[in-house]
């Protein structure tokens, strides 16, 4: 009986270590410093990309990422799905489009147009999903080293409810 208990205890300890390694994820993926506890966030830098908001025949908005000379920063918050619940997926996306020759910026409110900040809310939320331009808030990007930058964005949209309203993270080009 003691042998069985010790074997179970040893297996439990090993399985915890494996879960911890899985939670650390792929080293190529950047984990964002500020993220709600009920989900996962990541920041991705897309070179030579641009974003546009399109509208379908029913008035619903969607995004289209196209080739360009710009740098597109994509922030994604994906809420953990609720078990045994249909249509519980929820995601918020924030895109910031930057000119590669001017990465250090400090924009407020109407100046945010210069960075083409796009907010997307994707969920089973009737009438409260889609993509929207952000025109209220503050964006500051500062160089912290060779090809390293710190991004800080505080924003608000009046079109739909939002969970993410503040992003602060470092990225590299």
N, C-alpha and C. Protein backbone atom coordinates (compact mmCIF):
# COMPACT_ATOMS: atom_id res chain seq x y z
N UNK A 1 0.82 -1.19 0.00
CA UNK A 1 0.00 0.00 0.00
C UNK A 1 0.87 1.26 0.00
N UNK A 2 1.95 1.23 0.82
CA UNK A 2 2.85 2.37 0.86
C UNK A 2 3.52 2.58 -0.49
N UNK A 3 3.86 1.49 -1.16
CA UNK A 3 4.50 1.58 -2.47
C UNK A 3 3.54 2.23 -3.47
N UNK A 4 2.29 1.85 -3.43
CA UNK A 4 1.29 2.42 -4.32
C UNK A 4 1.12 3.92 -4.05
N UNK A 5 1.09 4.30 -2.78
CA UNK A 5 0.96 5.69 -2.41
C UNK A 5 2.17 6.50 -2.88
N UNK A 6 3.37 5.98 -2.66
CA UNK A 6 4.59 6.67 -3.08
C UNK A 6 4.65 6.80 -4.60
N UNK A 7 4.22 5.77 -5.32
CA UNK A 7 4.19 5.82 -6.78
C UNK A 7 3.22 6.90 -7.24
N UNK A 8 2.05 6.96 -6.65
CA UNK A 8 1.06 7.99 -6.99
C UNK A 8 1.60 9.39 -6.69
N UNK A 9 2.23 9.56 -5.54
CA UNK A 9 2.80 10.86 -5.15
C UNK A 9 3.88 11.29 -6.13
N UNK A 10 4.78 10.37 -6.49
CA UNK A 10 5.85 10.68 -7.43
C UNK A 10 5.28 11.06 -8.80
N UNK A 11 4.27 10.32 -9.27
CA UNK A 11 3.64 10.62 -10.57
C UNK A 11 2.96 11.98 -10.54
N UNK A 12 2.35 12.33 -9.42
CA UNK A 12 1.70 13.63 -9.29
C UNK A 12 2.70 14.77 -9.37
N UNK A 13 3.83 14.60 -8.72
CA UNK A 13 4.86 15.64 -8.75
C UNK A 13 5.40 15.82 -10.15
N UNK A 14 5.64 14.73 -10.85
CA UNK A 14 6.14 14.82 -12.22
C UNK A 14 5.13 15.47 -13.15
N UNK A 15 3.85 15.14 -12.98
CA UNK A 15 2.84 15.73 -13.86
C UNK A 15 2.70 17.23 -13.61
N UNK A 16 2.89 17.69 -12.40
CA UNK A 16 2.84 19.13 -12.13
C UNK A 16 3.98 19.84 -12.84
N UNK A 17 5.15 19.25 -12.83
CA UNK A 17 6.29 19.87 -13.51
C UNK A 17 6.03 19.96 -15.01
N UNK A 18 5.41 18.96 -15.59
CA UNK A 18 5.11 19.00 -17.02
C UNK A 18 4.10 20.08 -17.35
N UNK A 19 3.09 20.25 -16.51
CA UNK A 19 2.11 21.30 -16.75
C UNK A 19 2.76 22.67 -16.70
N UNK A 20 3.68 22.87 -15.77
CA UNK A 20 4.34 24.16 -15.66
C UNK A 20 5.13 24.46 -16.93
N UNK A 21 5.82 23.50 -17.48
CA UNK A 21 6.56 23.71 -18.72
C UNK A 21 5.62 24.04 -19.87
N UNK A 22 4.47 23.41 -19.93
CA UNK A 22 3.51 23.70 -20.99
C UNK A 22 2.95 25.11 -20.87
N UNK A 23 2.76 25.58 -19.65
CA UNK A 23 2.22 26.91 -19.44
C UNK A 23 3.20 27.99 -19.91
N UNK A 24 4.48 27.71 -19.85
CA UNK A 24 5.47 28.68 -20.30
C UNK A 24 5.37 28.90 -21.80
N UNK A 25 4.90 27.90 -22.53
CA UNK A 25 4.63 28.07 -23.95
C UNK A 25 5.88 28.12 -24.81
N UNK A 26 5.65 28.43 -26.06
CA UNK A 26 6.69 28.52 -27.05
C UNK A 26 7.52 29.78 -26.79
N UNK A 27 8.82 29.67 -26.82
CA UNK A 27 9.68 30.82 -26.53
C UNK A 27 9.56 31.91 -27.59
N UNK A 28 9.07 31.58 -28.78
CA UNK A 28 8.91 32.57 -29.84
C UNK A 28 7.69 33.46 -29.59
N UNK A 29 6.82 33.04 -28.72
CA UNK A 29 5.58 33.77 -28.46
C UNK A 29 5.83 34.75 -27.32
N UNK A 30 5.42 35.99 -27.48
CA UNK A 30 5.62 37.03 -26.48
C UNK A 30 4.41 37.09 -25.57
N UNK A 31 4.60 36.96 -24.28
CA UNK A 31 3.51 37.06 -23.32
C UNK A 31 3.40 38.49 -22.83
N UNK A 32 2.19 39.01 -22.82
CA UNK A 32 1.95 40.40 -22.46
C UNK A 32 1.92 40.52 -20.94
N UNK A 33 2.46 41.63 -20.44
CA UNK A 33 2.60 41.81 -19.01
C UNK A 33 1.27 42.10 -18.30
N UNK A 34 0.32 42.73 -18.98
CA UNK A 34 -0.96 43.07 -18.35
C UNK A 34 -2.06 42.32 -19.10
N UNK A 35 -2.68 41.36 -18.42
CA UNK A 35 -3.71 40.55 -19.06
C UNK A 35 -4.71 40.10 -17.99
N UNK A 36 -6.00 40.14 -18.30
CA UNK A 36 -6.98 39.64 -17.33
C UNK A 36 -6.70 38.18 -16.97
N UNK A 37 -6.97 37.81 -15.73
CA UNK A 37 -6.67 36.48 -15.23
C UNK A 37 -7.49 35.39 -15.90
N UNK A 38 -8.62 35.75 -16.52
CA UNK A 38 -9.50 34.74 -17.09
C UNK A 38 -9.20 34.44 -18.56
N UNK A 39 -8.00 34.79 -19.01
CA UNK A 39 -7.68 34.54 -20.41
C UNK A 39 -6.19 34.60 -20.68
N UNK A 40 -5.87 34.64 -21.96
CA UNK A 40 -4.48 34.69 -22.39
C UNK A 40 -4.31 35.85 -23.35
N UNK A 41 -3.14 36.47 -23.30
CA UNK A 41 -2.84 37.60 -24.18
C UNK A 41 -1.52 37.36 -24.87
N UNK A 42 -1.40 37.93 -26.06
CA UNK A 42 -0.12 37.88 -26.74
C UNK A 42 0.01 39.10 -27.65
N UNK A 43 1.24 39.49 -27.87
CA UNK A 43 1.57 40.62 -28.72
C UNK A 43 2.45 40.10 -29.85
N UNK A 44 2.07 40.45 -31.09
CA UNK A 44 2.79 39.99 -32.26
C UNK A 44 3.11 41.18 -33.14
N UNK A 45 4.31 41.20 -33.70
CA UNK A 45 4.72 42.25 -34.63
C UNK A 45 4.68 41.67 -36.03
N UNK A 46 3.89 42.29 -36.92
CA UNK A 46 3.76 41.85 -38.30
C UNK A 46 4.42 42.89 -39.19
N UNK A 47 5.50 42.52 -39.84
CA UNK A 47 6.22 43.45 -40.71
C UNK A 47 5.58 43.48 -42.09
N UNK A 48 5.63 44.65 -42.71
CA UNK A 48 5.10 44.87 -44.06
C UNK A 48 3.61 44.53 -44.17
N UNK A 49 2.84 44.98 -43.18
CA UNK A 49 1.40 44.74 -43.16
C UNK A 49 0.65 46.01 -42.81
N UNK A 50 -0.62 46.03 -43.20
CA UNK A 50 -1.50 47.14 -42.94
C UNK A 50 -2.89 46.56 -42.65
N UNK A 51 -3.77 47.34 -42.02
CA UNK A 51 -5.12 46.86 -41.71
C UNK A 51 -6.14 47.87 -42.18
N UNK A 52 -7.26 47.34 -42.68
CA UNK A 52 -8.39 48.16 -43.08
C UNK A 52 -9.66 47.54 -42.52
N UNK A 53 -10.60 48.41 -42.17
CA UNK A 53 -11.91 47.94 -41.72
C UNK A 53 -12.83 47.94 -42.93
N UNK A 54 -13.49 46.81 -43.15
CA UNK A 54 -14.44 46.66 -44.25
C UNK A 54 -15.82 46.42 -43.67
N UNK A 55 -16.82 46.57 -44.51
CA UNK A 55 -18.20 46.35 -44.08
C UNK A 55 -18.88 45.43 -45.09
N UNK A 56 -19.61 44.43 -44.59
CA UNK A 56 -20.32 43.52 -45.50
C UNK A 56 -21.71 44.09 -45.83
N UNK A 57 -22.47 43.35 -46.62
CA UNK A 57 -23.77 43.83 -47.09
C UNK A 57 -24.81 43.98 -45.98
N UNK A 58 -24.52 43.40 -44.80
CA UNK A 58 -25.45 43.50 -43.67
C UNK A 58 -25.04 44.59 -42.68
N UNK A 59 -23.95 45.31 -42.99
CA UNK A 59 -23.48 46.37 -42.11
C UNK A 59 -22.51 45.91 -41.04
N UNK A 60 -22.17 44.63 -41.04
CA UNK A 60 -21.20 44.11 -40.06
C UNK A 60 -19.78 44.44 -40.51
N UNK A 61 -18.94 44.82 -39.57
CA UNK A 61 -17.57 45.19 -39.91
C UNK A 61 -16.63 44.00 -39.71
N UNK A 62 -15.59 43.98 -40.52
CA UNK A 62 -14.55 42.96 -40.40
C UNK A 62 -13.22 43.60 -40.81
N UNK A 63 -12.13 42.94 -40.47
CA UNK A 63 -10.81 43.51 -40.78
C UNK A 63 -10.20 42.77 -41.97
N UNK A 64 -9.35 43.51 -42.68
CA UNK A 64 -8.60 42.92 -43.78
C UNK A 64 -7.14 43.37 -43.64
N UNK A 65 -6.25 42.40 -43.47
CA UNK A 65 -4.82 42.69 -43.37
C UNK A 65 -4.21 42.52 -44.75
N UNK A 66 -3.50 43.56 -45.18
CA UNK A 66 -2.92 43.56 -46.52
C UNK A 66 -1.42 43.85 -46.44
N UNK A 67 -0.74 43.60 -47.55
CA UNK A 67 0.69 43.90 -47.63
C UNK A 67 0.89 45.41 -47.75
N UNK A 68 1.94 45.90 -47.12
CA UNK A 68 2.29 47.32 -47.20
C UNK A 68 3.73 47.47 -46.70
N UNK A 69 4.19 48.68 -46.57
CA UNK A 69 5.53 48.94 -46.04
C UNK A 69 5.51 49.19 -44.54
N UNK A 70 4.33 49.15 -43.92
CA UNK A 70 4.18 49.49 -42.51
C UNK A 70 4.43 48.31 -41.59
N UNK A 71 4.49 48.61 -40.30
CA UNK A 71 4.59 47.59 -39.26
C UNK A 71 3.26 47.56 -38.52
N UNK A 72 2.71 46.37 -38.36
CA UNK A 72 1.42 46.20 -37.69
C UNK A 72 1.65 45.43 -36.40
N UNK A 73 1.29 46.05 -35.28
CA UNK A 73 1.39 45.39 -33.99
C UNK A 73 0.00 44.84 -33.66
N UNK A 74 -0.05 43.56 -33.37
CA UNK A 74 -1.32 42.90 -33.06
C UNK A 74 -1.31 42.46 -31.60
N UNK A 75 -2.29 42.93 -30.84
CA UNK A 75 -2.49 42.48 -29.47
C UNK A 75 -3.76 41.64 -29.45
N UNK A 76 -3.69 40.47 -28.84
CA UNK A 76 -4.86 39.59 -28.77
C UNK A 76 -5.12 39.17 -27.34
N UNK A 77 -6.36 39.37 -26.90
CA UNK A 77 -6.83 38.84 -25.62
C UNK A 77 -7.88 37.79 -25.95
N UNK A 78 -7.65 36.58 -25.48
CA UNK A 78 -8.61 35.49 -25.73
C UNK A 78 -9.04 34.94 -24.37
N UNK A 79 -10.31 35.14 -24.06
CA UNK A 79 -10.84 34.67 -22.78
C UNK A 79 -10.94 33.16 -22.80
N UNK A 80 -10.67 32.53 -21.67
CA UNK A 80 -10.82 31.08 -21.56
C UNK A 80 -12.28 30.72 -21.79
N UNK A 81 -12.49 29.67 -22.58
CA UNK A 81 -13.87 29.25 -22.85
C UNK A 81 -14.49 28.61 -21.61
N UNK A 82 -15.79 28.80 -21.47
CA UNK A 82 -16.52 28.23 -20.35
C UNK A 82 -16.90 26.80 -20.72
N UNK A 83 -16.48 25.85 -19.90
CA UNK A 83 -16.74 24.45 -20.21
C UNK A 83 -18.24 24.17 -20.25
N UNK A 84 -18.61 23.29 -21.17
CA UNK A 84 -20.01 22.85 -21.35
C UNK A 84 -20.95 24.00 -21.69
N UNK A 85 -20.41 25.04 -22.33
CA UNK A 85 -21.23 26.18 -22.73
C UNK A 85 -20.99 26.47 -24.21
N UNK A 86 -22.05 26.40 -24.98
CA UNK A 86 -21.94 26.68 -26.41
C UNK A 86 -21.69 28.17 -26.63
N UNK A 87 -20.92 28.49 -27.66
CA UNK A 87 -20.67 29.88 -28.07
C UNK A 87 -20.06 30.73 -26.95
N UNK A 88 -19.18 30.15 -26.15
CA UNK A 88 -18.59 30.92 -25.05
C UNK A 88 -17.26 31.58 -25.44
N UNK A 89 -16.84 31.43 -26.68
CA UNK A 89 -15.57 32.03 -27.08
C UNK A 89 -15.69 33.56 -27.12
N UNK A 90 -14.62 34.22 -26.73
CA UNK A 90 -14.60 35.68 -26.67
C UNK A 90 -13.17 36.13 -26.95
N UNK A 91 -13.02 37.10 -27.84
CA UNK A 91 -11.70 37.59 -28.20
C UNK A 91 -11.76 39.09 -28.46
N UNK A 92 -10.72 39.79 -28.01
CA UNK A 92 -10.53 41.20 -28.35
C UNK A 92 -9.18 41.34 -29.03
N UNK A 93 -9.16 42.12 -30.10
CA UNK A 93 -7.95 42.37 -30.87
C UNK A 93 -7.71 43.87 -30.95
N UNK A 94 -6.45 44.27 -30.87
CA UNK A 94 -6.07 45.66 -31.05
C UNK A 94 -4.92 45.67 -32.04
N UNK A 95 -5.07 46.46 -33.10
CA UNK A 95 -4.03 46.61 -34.11
C UNK A 95 -3.52 48.05 -34.08
N UNK A 96 -2.19 48.19 -34.15
CA UNK A 96 -1.56 49.50 -34.21
C UNK A 96 -0.66 49.48 -35.44
N UNK A 97 -0.91 50.39 -36.37
CA UNK A 97 -0.15 50.44 -37.61
C UNK A 97 0.84 51.60 -37.54
N UNK A 98 2.11 51.27 -37.77
CA UNK A 98 3.16 52.27 -37.62
C UNK A 98 4.02 52.38 -38.88
N UNK A 99 4.49 53.58 -39.12
CA UNK A 99 5.45 53.82 -40.18
C UNK A 99 6.82 53.38 -39.65
N UNK A 100 7.54 52.49 -40.35
CA UNK A 100 8.81 51.99 -39.81
C UNK A 100 9.89 53.07 -39.65
N UNK A 101 9.74 54.20 -40.32
CA UNK A 101 10.73 55.27 -40.17
C UNK A 101 10.42 56.17 -38.98
N UNK A 102 9.26 55.97 -38.33
CA UNK A 102 8.88 56.78 -37.18
C UNK A 102 8.18 55.90 -36.15
N UNK A 103 8.95 55.06 -35.44
CA UNK A 103 8.35 54.14 -34.48
C UNK A 103 8.14 54.76 -33.11
N UNK A 104 8.88 55.80 -32.78
CA UNK A 104 8.69 56.47 -31.50
C UNK A 104 7.60 57.51 -31.66
N UNK A 105 6.48 57.28 -30.99
CA UNK A 105 5.33 58.18 -31.13
C UNK A 105 4.75 58.50 -29.76
N UNK A 106 4.01 59.60 -29.73
CA UNK A 106 3.27 60.01 -28.54
C UNK A 106 2.00 60.70 -29.04
N UNK A 107 0.92 59.94 -29.18
CA UNK A 107 -0.33 60.44 -29.75
C UNK A 107 -1.43 60.44 -28.71
N UNK A 108 -2.33 61.41 -28.84
CA UNK A 108 -3.52 61.48 -28.00
C UNK A 108 -4.73 61.77 -28.85
N UNK A 109 -5.84 61.15 -28.50
CA UNK A 109 -7.16 61.38 -29.10
C UNK A 109 -7.13 61.46 -30.63
N UNK A 110 -7.40 62.61 -31.22
CA UNK A 110 -7.52 62.72 -32.68
C UNK A 110 -6.24 62.30 -33.40
N UNK A 111 -5.08 62.48 -32.75
CA UNK A 111 -3.81 62.07 -33.37
C UNK A 111 -3.68 60.56 -33.49
N UNK A 112 -4.52 59.80 -32.78
CA UNK A 112 -4.46 58.33 -32.86
C UNK A 112 -4.73 57.84 -34.29
N UNK A 113 -5.39 58.67 -35.11
CA UNK A 113 -5.62 58.32 -36.51
C UNK A 113 -4.30 58.03 -37.23
N UNK A 114 -3.24 58.71 -36.82
CA UNK A 114 -1.93 58.53 -37.45
C UNK A 114 -1.41 57.10 -37.28
N UNK A 115 -1.84 56.42 -36.23
CA UNK A 115 -1.41 55.04 -35.97
C UNK A 115 -2.47 54.03 -36.39
N UNK A 116 -3.56 54.49 -36.97
CA UNK A 116 -4.61 53.59 -37.46
C UNK A 116 -4.93 52.48 -36.45
N UNK A 117 -5.27 52.87 -35.23
CA UNK A 117 -5.54 51.89 -34.18
C UNK A 117 -6.94 51.32 -34.40
N UNK A 118 -6.97 50.00 -34.49
CA UNK A 118 -8.21 49.28 -34.76
C UNK A 118 -8.50 48.33 -33.61
N UNK A 119 -9.73 48.37 -33.12
CA UNK A 119 -10.17 47.48 -32.04
C UNK A 119 -11.21 46.51 -32.59
N UNK A 120 -11.03 45.23 -32.28
CA UNK A 120 -12.00 44.22 -32.71
C UNK A 120 -12.53 43.45 -31.52
N UNK A 121 -13.82 43.24 -31.51
CA UNK A 121 -14.48 42.44 -30.48
C UNK A 121 -15.19 41.30 -31.19
N UNK A 122 -14.78 40.08 -30.91
CA UNK A 122 -15.32 38.91 -31.59
C UNK A 122 -15.93 37.96 -30.56
N UNK A 123 -17.24 37.81 -30.63
CA UNK A 123 -17.93 36.95 -29.68
C UNK A 123 -19.35 36.70 -30.19
N UNK A 124 -20.05 35.84 -29.47
CA UNK A 124 -21.47 35.63 -29.74
C UNK A 124 -22.22 36.67 -28.92
N UNK A 125 -22.14 37.91 -29.36
CA UNK A 125 -22.70 39.07 -28.65
C UNK A 125 -23.55 39.83 -29.66
N UNK A 126 -24.76 39.48 -29.82
CA UNK A 126 -25.62 40.06 -30.86
C UNK A 126 -25.57 41.58 -30.86
N UNK A 127 -25.16 42.12 -32.02
CA UNK A 127 -25.11 43.56 -32.20
C UNK A 127 -23.93 44.25 -31.53
N UNK A 128 -23.06 43.49 -30.88
CA UNK A 128 -21.94 44.10 -30.17
C UNK A 128 -20.62 43.44 -30.54
N UNK A 129 -20.45 43.17 -31.82
CA UNK A 129 -19.22 42.57 -32.31
C UNK A 129 -18.80 43.29 -33.58
N UNK A 130 -17.52 43.27 -33.89
CA UNK A 130 -17.03 43.92 -35.10
C UNK A 130 -15.72 44.64 -34.84
N UNK A 131 -15.33 45.47 -35.79
CA UNK A 131 -14.07 46.22 -35.74
C UNK A 131 -14.36 47.72 -35.78
N UNK A 132 -13.57 48.47 -35.00
CA UNK A 132 -13.82 49.90 -34.84
C UNK A 132 -12.50 50.66 -34.78
N UNK A 133 -12.49 51.88 -35.32
CA UNK A 133 -11.33 52.75 -35.21
C UNK A 133 -11.33 53.37 -33.82
N UNK A 134 -10.15 53.48 -33.23
CA UNK A 134 -10.00 54.08 -31.91
C UNK A 134 -9.57 55.53 -32.07
N UNK A 135 -10.37 56.44 -31.50
CA UNK A 135 -10.10 57.87 -31.61
C UNK A 135 -10.01 58.55 -30.24
N UNK A 136 -10.02 57.74 -29.17
CA UNK A 136 -9.98 58.29 -27.83
C UNK A 136 -8.96 57.51 -27.00
N UNK A 137 -7.94 58.21 -26.53
CA UNK A 137 -6.93 57.56 -25.70
C UNK A 137 -5.55 58.14 -25.90
N UNK A 138 -4.55 57.39 -25.46
CA UNK A 138 -3.15 57.82 -25.55
C UNK A 138 -2.30 56.63 -25.99
N UNK A 139 -1.40 56.89 -26.92
CA UNK A 139 -0.44 55.90 -27.39
C UNK A 139 0.96 56.49 -27.25
N UNK A 140 1.81 55.73 -26.57
CA UNK A 140 3.20 56.15 -26.42
C UNK A 140 4.09 54.96 -26.74
N UNK A 141 4.99 55.13 -27.68
CA UNK A 141 5.99 54.11 -27.99
C UNK A 141 7.35 54.77 -27.88
N UNK A 142 8.21 54.16 -27.06
CA UNK A 142 9.52 54.74 -26.79
C UNK A 142 10.59 53.67 -27.04
N UNK A 143 11.68 54.08 -27.64
CA UNK A 143 12.80 53.17 -27.90
C UNK A 143 13.53 52.89 -26.59
N UNK A 144 13.80 51.61 -26.32
CA UNK A 144 14.48 51.22 -25.09
C UNK A 144 15.84 50.59 -25.36
N UNK A 145 16.16 50.35 -26.61
CA UNK A 145 17.42 49.74 -26.98
C UNK A 145 17.45 49.56 -28.49
N UNK A 146 18.50 48.94 -28.98
CA UNK A 146 18.61 48.70 -30.41
C UNK A 146 17.49 47.77 -30.86
N UNK A 147 16.54 48.29 -31.61
CA UNK A 147 15.39 47.55 -32.15
C UNK A 147 14.42 47.09 -31.06
N UNK A 148 14.50 47.66 -29.87
CA UNK A 148 13.60 47.32 -28.76
C UNK A 148 12.79 48.55 -28.38
N UNK A 149 11.49 48.33 -28.14
CA UNK A 149 10.57 49.43 -27.87
C UNK A 149 9.63 49.07 -26.73
N UNK A 150 9.10 50.08 -26.07
CA UNK A 150 8.07 49.91 -25.05
C UNK A 150 6.80 50.59 -25.54
N UNK A 151 5.73 49.83 -25.57
CA UNK A 151 4.43 50.32 -26.02
C UNK A 151 3.53 50.51 -24.82
N UNK A 152 2.81 51.62 -24.80
CA UNK A 152 1.81 51.87 -23.77
C UNK A 152 0.60 52.50 -24.44
N UNK A 153 -0.52 51.82 -24.36
CA UNK A 153 -1.76 52.29 -24.99
C UNK A 153 -2.88 52.25 -23.98
N UNK A 154 -3.55 53.38 -23.83
CA UNK A 154 -4.74 53.51 -23.00
C UNK A 154 -5.84 54.01 -23.94
N UNK A 155 -6.93 53.28 -24.10
CA UNK A 155 -7.92 53.65 -25.10
C UNK A 155 -9.34 53.30 -24.65
N UNK A 156 -10.30 53.88 -25.36
CA UNK A 156 -11.71 53.67 -25.07
C UNK A 156 -12.48 53.67 -26.39
N UNK A 157 -13.47 52.81 -26.47
CA UNK A 157 -14.40 52.82 -27.60
C UNK A 157 -15.81 52.97 -27.06
N UNK A 158 -16.61 53.74 -27.74
CA UNK A 158 -17.99 53.94 -27.28
C UNK A 158 -18.97 53.04 -28.01
N UNK A 159 -18.50 52.33 -29.04
CA UNK A 159 -19.39 51.51 -29.86
C UNK A 159 -19.84 50.22 -29.18
N UNK A 160 -18.92 49.56 -28.45
CA UNK A 160 -19.23 48.28 -27.81
C UNK A 160 -18.53 48.20 -26.45
N UNK A 161 -19.01 47.32 -25.56
CA UNK A 161 -18.30 47.13 -24.29
C UNK A 161 -16.92 46.54 -24.55
N UNK A 162 -15.97 46.82 -23.69
CA UNK A 162 -14.62 46.28 -23.86
C UNK A 162 -14.06 45.84 -22.52
N UNK A 163 -13.20 44.83 -22.57
CA UNK A 163 -12.48 44.37 -21.38
C UNK A 163 -11.09 44.99 -21.37
N UNK A 164 -10.42 44.93 -22.51
CA UNK A 164 -9.07 45.49 -22.63
C UNK A 164 -9.18 46.98 -22.92
N UNK A 165 -8.55 47.79 -22.07
CA UNK A 165 -8.50 49.23 -22.31
C UNK A 165 -7.09 49.78 -22.08
N UNK A 166 -6.18 48.91 -21.64
CA UNK A 166 -4.82 49.33 -21.36
C UNK A 166 -3.86 48.23 -21.76
N UNK A 167 -2.86 48.58 -22.54
CA UNK A 167 -1.83 47.64 -22.96
C UNK A 167 -0.48 48.27 -22.66
N UNK A 168 0.38 47.51 -22.03
CA UNK A 168 1.74 47.96 -21.78
C UNK A 168 2.66 46.75 -21.98
N UNK A 169 3.58 46.88 -22.93
CA UNK A 169 4.47 45.76 -23.20
C UNK A 169 5.68 46.20 -24.01
N UNK A 170 6.70 45.38 -24.02
CA UNK A 170 7.90 45.62 -24.81
C UNK A 170 7.83 44.75 -26.06
N UNK A 171 8.42 45.25 -27.14
CA UNK A 171 8.48 44.46 -28.38
C UNK A 171 9.76 44.80 -29.12
N UNK A 172 10.11 43.94 -30.06
CA UNK A 172 11.32 44.13 -30.87
C UNK A 172 10.94 44.10 -32.34
N UNK A 173 11.68 44.86 -33.13
CA UNK A 173 11.47 44.90 -34.57
C UNK A 173 12.60 44.14 -35.24
